[in-house]
Structures are given as structure tokens and as C-alpha cells.
Amino acid sequence: MASHKSAEKRSRQSEKKTLRNTMIKSSTKARIKSVLTAVEAKDQEGAKEALAVAVPVIAKAGAKGIFPKKTASRKISRLTKRVNAAKK
């Protein structure tokens, strides 16, 4: 437990940041899952639309430091490869 004023504030800020990061991470995972579900269902148009929504969300999470930037880039790349391979 925090024992002085600045430590208490740091603790409050940390809790808010953790909650925000968890929410963003969760919504990002949901977007990724919607792309993968569309790919598995062989719904090419749905997969492209879901990918168009997911890419900026993943990029923004990477820019904010929720995922490392290279991890975000890798996720985008792998999803795009999956969607492009599905149309063959």
C-alpha cells in the first residue's frame, strides 16, 4: 500500500492505465477474431471489411504502446496474409 501522497497518486494512475490498456487489448482481440472468423467461413468480402476495421485498431494500439510496435506490425501482416490467401 502506498505510504505517501505521490505514491497514492501513482497507484491511482496505474490502475486507470491498466484498465484502459485491458479494454483496448480486449477490443483489439475481438477485431482480430472477427477477421479470422470471416476467413474460416470463406466470406471474402466480410474478411476484407473486418480487416479494414482491424488494421487501424491494431496500429493505434501499437502506437500507444499497448502492444510493442513490431508485434502490432506482425499481427497486421499475418492477418493480411490470411485474408489474401483465402481468396485463392
C-alpha atoms as a PDB file:
ATOM      1  CA  MET A   1       0.000   0.000   0.000  1.00  0.00           C
ATOM      2  CA  ALA A   2       1.200   3.478  -0.833  1.00  0.00           C
ATOM      3  CA  SER A   3       2.548   5.401   2.149  1.00  0.00           C
ATOM      4  CA  HIS A   4       2.753   8.978   0.842  1.00  0.00           C
ATOM      5  CA  LYS A   5       0.761  11.294  -1.366  1.00  0.00           C
ATOM      6  CA  SER A   6       2.734  10.911  -4.607  1.00  0.00           C
ATOM      7  CA  ALA A   7       2.764   7.117  -4.289  1.00  0.00           C
ATOM      8  CA  GLU A   8      -1.012   7.120  -3.798  1.00  0.00           C
ATOM      9  CA  LYS A   9      -1.445   9.222  -6.935  1.00  0.00           C
ATOM     10  CA  ARG A  10       0.890   6.955  -8.891  1.00  0.00           C
ATOM     11  CA  SER A  11      -1.166   3.969  -7.723  1.00  0.00           C
ATOM     12  CA  ARG A  12      -4.430   5.589  -8.920  1.00  0.00           C
ATOM     13  CA  GLN A  13      -2.896   6.459 -12.275  1.00  0.00           C
ATOM     14  CA  SER A  14      -1.560   2.958 -12.663  1.00  0.00           C
ATOM     15  CA  GLU A  15      -4.990   1.438 -12.014  1.00  0.00           C
ATOM     16  CA  LYS A  16      -6.603   3.704 -14.642  1.00  0.00           C
ATOM     17  CA  LYS A  17      -3.892   2.938 -17.173  1.00  0.00           C
ATOM     18  CA  THR A  18      -4.169  -0.807 -16.571  1.00  0.00           C
ATOM     19  CA  LEU A  19      -7.934  -0.710 -17.033  1.00  0.00           C
ATOM     20  CA  ARG A  20      -7.645   1.337 -20.242  1.00  0.00           C
ATOM     21  CA  ASN A  21      -4.949  -0.963 -21.661  1.00  0.00           C
ATOM     22  CA  THR A  22      -7.030  -4.044 -20.842  1.00  0.00           C
ATOM     23  CA  MET A  23     -10.070  -2.589 -22.613  1.00  0.00           C
ATOM     24  CA  ILE A  24      -8.087  -1.684 -25.724  1.00  0.00           C
ATOM     25  CA  LYS A  25      -6.336  -5.057 -25.794  1.00  0.00           C
ATOM     26  CA  SER A  26      -9.674  -6.847 -25.470  1.00  0.00           C
ATOM     27  CA  SER A  27     -11.352  -4.882 -28.262  1.00  0.00           C
ATOM     28  CA  THR A  28      -8.302  -5.445 -30.484  1.00  0.00           C
ATOM     29  CA  LYS A  29      -8.513  -9.193 -29.899  1.00  0.00           C
ATOM     30  CA  ALA A  30     -12.225  -9.092 -30.775  1.00  0.00           C
ATOM     31  CA  ARG A  31     -11.461  -7.330 -34.072  1.00  0.00           C
ATOM     32  CA  ILE A  32      -8.787  -9.915 -34.888  1.00  0.00           C
ATOM     33  CA  LYS A  33     -11.188 -12.730 -34.098  1.00  0.00           C
ATOM     34  CA  SER A  34     -13.841 -11.258 -36.402  1.00  0.00           C
ATOM     35  CA  VAL A  35     -11.331 -11.287 -39.278  1.00  0.00           C
ATOM     36  CA  LEU A  36     -10.313 -14.876 -38.565  1.00  0.00           C
ATOM     37  CA  THR A  37     -13.939 -15.992 -38.280  1.00  0.00           C
ATOM     38  CA  ALA A  38     -14.739 -14.456 -41.669  1.00  0.00           C
ATOM     39  CA  VAL A  39     -11.688 -16.133 -43.222  1.00  0.00           C
ATOM     40  CA  GLU A  40     -12.655 -19.528 -41.805  1.00  0.00           C
ATOM     41  CA  ALA A  41     -16.210 -19.073 -43.103  1.00  0.00           C
ATOM     42  CA  LYS A  42     -14.701 -18.302 -46.537  1.00  0.00           C
ATOM     43  CA  ASP A  43     -16.514 -14.961 -46.581  1.00  0.00           C
ATOM     44  CA  GLN A  44     -14.082 -12.925 -48.687  1.00  0.00           C
ATOM     45  CA  GLU A  45     -15.970  -9.621 -48.577  1.00  0.00           C
ATOM     46  CA  GLY A  46     -16.644  -9.911 -44.850  1.00  0.00           C
ATOM     47  CA  ALA A  47     -12.997 -10.689 -44.197  1.00  0.00           C
ATOM     48  CA  LYS A  48     -11.852  -7.643 -46.183  1.00  0.00           C
ATOM     49  CA  GLU A  49     -14.281  -5.375 -44.332  1.00  0.00           C
ATOM     50  CA  ALA A  50     -13.251  -6.799 -40.948  1.00  0.00           C
ATOM     51  CA  LEU A  51      -9.589  -6.389 -41.877  1.00  0.00           C
ATOM     52  CA  ALA A  52     -10.176  -2.753 -42.859  1.00  0.00           C
ATOM     53  CA  VAL A  53     -11.597  -2.159 -39.377  1.00  0.00           C
ATOM     54  CA  ALA A  54      -8.977  -4.215 -37.529  1.00  0.00           C
ATOM     55  CA  VAL A  55      -5.804  -2.766 -39.067  1.00  0.00           C
ATOM     56  CA  PRO A  56      -6.185   0.808 -37.730  1.00  0.00           C
ATOM     57  CA  VAL A  57      -7.208  -0.502 -34.307  1.00  0.00           C
ATOM     58  CA  ILE A  58      -4.104  -2.720 -34.100  1.00  0.00           C
ATOM     59  CA  ALA A  59      -1.855   0.079 -35.396  1.00  0.00           C
ATOM     60  CA  LYS A  60      -3.243   2.523 -32.854  1.00  0.00           C
ATOM     61  CA  ALA A  61      -2.715   0.035 -30.028  1.00  0.00           C
ATOM     62  CA  GLY A  62       0.869  -0.409 -31.208  1.00  0.00           C
ATOM     63  CA  ALA A  63       1.425   3.341 -31.356  1.00  0.00           C
ATOM     64  CA  LYS A  64       0.083   3.776 -27.827  1.00  0.00           C
ATOM     65  CA  GLY A  65       2.400   1.067 -26.508  1.00  0.00           C
ATOM     66  CA  ILE A  66      -0.297  -1.454 -25.627  1.00  0.00           C
ATOM     67  CA  PHE A  67       1.441  -3.887 -27.954  1.00  0.00           C
ATOM     68  CA  PRO A  68       5.055  -3.378 -28.960  1.00  0.00           C
ATOM     69  CA  LYS A  69       5.168  -1.709 -32.404  1.00  0.00           C
ATOM     70  CA  LYS A  70       6.737  -4.726 -34.084  1.00  0.00           C
ATOM     71  CA  THR A  71       4.126  -7.017 -32.558  1.00  0.00           C
ATOM     72  CA  ALA A  72       1.359  -4.822 -33.953  1.00  0.00           C
ATOM     73  CA  SER A  73       3.039  -4.807 -37.346  1.00  0.00           C
ATOM     74  CA  ARG A  74       3.401  -8.593 -37.275  1.00  0.00           C
ATOM     75  CA  LYS A  75      -0.270  -9.065 -36.354  1.00  0.00           C
ATOM     76  CA  ILE A  76      -1.363  -6.808 -39.221  1.00  0.00           C
ATOM     77  CA  SER A  77       0.915  -8.611 -41.658  1.00  0.00           C
ATOM     78  CA  ARG A  78      -0.276 -12.083 -40.672  1.00  0.00           C
ATOM     79  CA  LEU A  79      -3.937 -11.107 -40.820  1.00  0.00           C
ATOM     80  CA  THR A  80      -3.475  -9.544 -44.253  1.00  0.00           C
ATOM     81  CA  LYS A  81      -1.706 -12.666 -45.499  1.00  0.00           C
ATOM     82  CA  ARG A  82      -4.576 -14.812 -44.218  1.00  0.00           C
ATOM     83  CA  VAL A  83      -7.227 -12.692 -45.934  1.00  0.00           C
ATOM     84  CA  ASN A  84      -5.284 -12.616 -49.217  1.00  0.00           C
ATOM     85  CA  ALA A  85      -4.676 -16.385 -49.128  1.00  0.00           C
ATOM     86  CA  ALA A  86      -8.394 -17.022 -48.558  1.00  0.00           C
ATOM     87  CA  LYS A  87      -9.364 -15.674 -51.978  1.00  0.00           C
ATOM     88  CA  LYS A  88      -7.304 -18.297 -53.809  1.00  0.00           C
END
